[in-house]
């Protein structure tokens, strides 16, 4: 069975959430593989800007933006399990 959101096929739970909520999980949570300090800083800056926009929309009365802001903010406080191992490349067990 296929799951469609806005005319697109969702492959898995995360993709369904991204399509349904319009939230890029990797933007707020971070990618599963390692990223450079510069990449992380750019991603976090972009995530802060998007979160600020969502909060502003929520304050202007957009309830959906408010829920999206809560979800995005919660994602910023999570660390993917594979990345939290600390210094290991995702799925290899080798030092990064």
C-alpha atoms as a PDB file:
ATOM      1  CA  UNK A   1       0.000   0.000   0.000  1.00  0.00           C
ATOM      2  CA  UNK A   2       1.297   3.457  -0.852  1.00  0.00           C
ATOM      3  CA  UNK A   3       0.833   6.536   1.287  1.00  0.00           C
ATOM      4  CA  UNK A   4       0.370   9.805  -0.588  1.00  0.00           C
ATOM      5  CA  UNK A   5       0.720  13.272   0.893  1.00  0.00           C
ATOM      6  CA  UNK A   6       0.033  16.249  -1.345  1.00  0.00           C
ATOM      7  CA  UNK A   7       0.379  14.056  -4.419  1.00  0.00           C
ATOM      8  CA  UNK A   8       3.762  12.626  -3.400  1.00  0.00           C
ATOM      9  CA  UNK A   9       4.519   9.101  -2.213  1.00  0.00           C
ATOM     10  CA  UNK A  10       5.849   8.967   1.345  1.00  0.00           C
ATOM     11  CA  UNK A  11       8.492   6.283   1.866  1.00  0.00           C
ATOM     12  CA  UNK A  12       8.564   5.738   5.614  1.00  0.00           C
ATOM     13  CA  UNK A  13       7.512   7.554   8.762  1.00  0.00           C
ATOM     14  CA  UNK A  14       9.998  10.416   8.552  1.00  0.00           C
ATOM     15  CA  UNK A  15       9.181  11.205   4.946  1.00  0.00           C
ATOM     16  CA  UNK A  16       5.472  11.119   5.791  1.00  0.00           C
ATOM     17  CA  UNK A  17       6.038  13.599   8.621  1.00  0.00           C
ATOM     18  CA  UNK A  18       8.166  15.833   6.394  1.00  0.00           C
ATOM     19  CA  UNK A  19       5.543  15.890   3.656  1.00  0.00           C
ATOM     20  CA  UNK A  20       2.563  16.244   5.986  1.00  0.00           C
ATOM     21  CA  UNK A  21       4.062  18.898   8.259  1.00  0.00           C
ATOM     22  CA  UNK A  22       6.380  20.593   5.817  1.00  0.00           C
ATOM     23  CA  UNK A  23       9.272  20.167   8.270  1.00  0.00           C
ATOM     24  CA  UNK A  24      12.681  18.968   7.082  1.00  0.00           C
ATOM     25  CA  UNK A  25      13.714  16.645   9.914  1.00  0.00           C
ATOM     26  CA  UNK A  26      17.428  16.738   9.016  1.00  0.00           C
ATOM     27  CA  UNK A  27      17.417  20.549   9.092  1.00  0.00           C
ATOM     28  CA  UNK A  28      16.394  20.620  12.750  1.00  0.00           C
ATOM     29  CA  UNK A  29      17.735  17.285  14.045  1.00  0.00           C
ATOM     30  CA  UNK A  30      20.870  17.120  11.940  1.00  0.00           C
ATOM     31  CA  UNK A  31      21.913  14.475   9.443  1.00  0.00           C
ATOM     32  CA  UNK A  32      22.701  10.916  10.477  1.00  0.00           C
ATOM     33  CA  UNK A  33      26.182  11.120   8.937  1.00  0.00           C
ATOM     34  CA  UNK A  34      28.844  13.490  10.157  1.00  0.00           C
ATOM     35  CA  UNK A  35      28.964  17.107   9.062  1.00  0.00           C
ATOM     36  CA  UNK A  36      31.708  19.696   9.201  1.00  0.00           C
ATOM     37  CA  UNK A  37      31.597  22.558  11.684  1.00  0.00           C
ATOM     38  CA  UNK A  38      30.788  24.944   8.831  1.00  0.00           C
ATOM     39  CA  UNK A  39      27.964  22.748   7.557  1.00  0.00           C
ATOM     40  CA  UNK A  40      26.554  22.427  11.071  1.00  0.00           C
ATOM     41  CA  UNK A  41      26.710  26.182  11.651  1.00  0.00           C
ATOM     42  CA  UNK A  42      24.952  26.906   8.341  1.00  0.00           C
ATOM     43  CA  UNK A  43      22.271  24.271   9.046  1.00  0.00           C
ATOM     44  CA  UNK A  44      21.667  25.592  12.556  1.00  0.00           C
ATOM     45  CA  UNK A  45      21.432  29.200  11.285  1.00  0.00           C
ATOM     46  CA  UNK A  46      18.865  28.140   8.684  1.00  0.00           C
ATOM     47  CA  UNK A  47      16.932  26.140  11.293  1.00  0.00           C
ATOM     48  CA  UNK A  48      16.853  29.155  13.638  1.00  0.00           C
ATOM     49  CA  UNK A  49      15.515  31.352  10.825  1.00  0.00           C
ATOM     50  CA  UNK A  50      12.792  28.858   9.894  1.00  0.00           C
ATOM     51  CA  UNK A  51      11.840  28.368  13.545  1.00  0.00           C
ATOM     52  CA  UNK A  52      11.641  32.142  14.070  1.00  0.00           C
ATOM     53  CA  UNK A  53       9.352  32.430  11.019  1.00  0.00           C
ATOM     54  CA  UNK A  54       7.115  29.636  12.314  1.00  0.00           C
ATOM     55  CA  UNK A  55       6.877  31.289  15.727  1.00  0.00           C
ATOM     56  CA  UNK A  56       6.018  34.646  14.138  1.00  0.00           C
ATOM     57  CA  UNK A  57       3.294  33.005  12.047  1.00  0.00           C
ATOM     58  CA  UNK A  58       1.963  31.297  15.178  1.00  0.00           C
ATOM     59  CA  UNK A  59       1.838  34.584  17.071  1.00  0.00           C
ATOM     60  CA  UNK A  60      -0.087  36.068  14.129  1.00  0.00           C
ATOM     61  CA  UNK A  61      -2.747  33.396  14.621  1.00  0.00           C
ATOM     62  CA  UNK A  62      -1.633  30.450  12.462  1.00  0.00           C
ATOM     63  CA  UNK A  63      -2.276  27.448  14.708  1.00  0.00           C
ATOM     64  CA  UNK A  64      -0.658  24.977  12.302  1.00  0.00           C
ATOM     65  CA  UNK A  65       2.553  27.027  12.273  1.00  0.00           C
ATOM     66  CA  UNK A  66       2.468  26.933  16.069  1.00  0.00           C
ATOM     67  CA  UNK A  67       2.317  23.138  16.108  1.00  0.00           C
ATOM     68  CA  UNK A  68       5.031  22.975  13.451  1.00  0.00           C
ATOM     69  CA  UNK A  69       7.207  25.270  15.586  1.00  0.00           C
ATOM     70  CA  UNK A  70       6.765  22.988  18.596  1.00  0.00           C
ATOM     71  CA  UNK A  71       7.711  19.925  16.523  1.00  0.00           C
ATOM     72  CA  UNK A  72      10.726  21.653  14.947  1.00  0.00           C
ATOM     73  CA  UNK A  73      11.885  22.934  18.337  1.00  0.00           C
ATOM     74  CA  UNK A  74      11.633  19.416  19.795  1.00  0.00           C
ATOM     75  CA  UNK A  75      13.714  18.078  16.900  1.00  0.00           C
ATOM     76  CA  UNK A  76      16.513  20.516  17.747  1.00  0.00           C
ATOM     77  CA  UNK A  77      16.803  18.807  21.132  1.00  0.00           C
ATOM     78  CA  UNK A  78      17.270  15.312  19.716  1.00  0.00           C
ATOM     79  CA  UNK A  79      20.451  13.587  18.620  1.00  0.00           C
ATOM     80  CA  UNK A  80      20.294  10.668  16.208  1.00  0.00           C
ATOM     81  CA  UNK A  81      21.460   7.491  17.952  1.00  0.00           C
ATOM     82  CA  UNK A  82      24.171   6.752  15.405  1.00  0.00           C
ATOM     83  CA  UNK A  83      25.600  10.256  15.720  1.00  0.00           C
ATOM     84  CA  UNK A  84      25.465  10.174  19.521  1.00  0.00           C
ATOM     85  CA  UNK A  85      27.925   7.265  19.652  1.00  0.00           C
ATOM     86  CA  UNK A  86      30.569   9.966  19.417  1.00  0.00           C
ATOM     87  CA  UNK A  87      33.171  10.039  16.725  1.00  0.00           C
ATOM     88  CA  UNK A  88      32.056   6.920  14.889  1.00  0.00           C
ATOM     89  CA  UNK A  89      30.969   6.956  11.291  1.00  0.00           C
ATOM     90  CA  UNK A  90      27.353   5.966  10.908  1.00  0.00           C
ATOM     91  CA  UNK A  91      26.944   2.202  10.700  1.00  0.00           C
ATOM     92  CA  UNK A  92      30.660   1.376  10.292  1.00  0.00           C
ATOM     93  CA  UNK A  93      32.033   1.352  13.823  1.00  0.00           C
ATOM     94  CA  UNK A  94      35.091   3.168  12.440  1.00  0.00           C
ATOM     95  CA  UNK A  95      36.424   6.451  13.756  1.00  0.00           C
ATOM     96  CA  UNK A  96      35.303   9.447  11.739  1.00  0.00           C
END
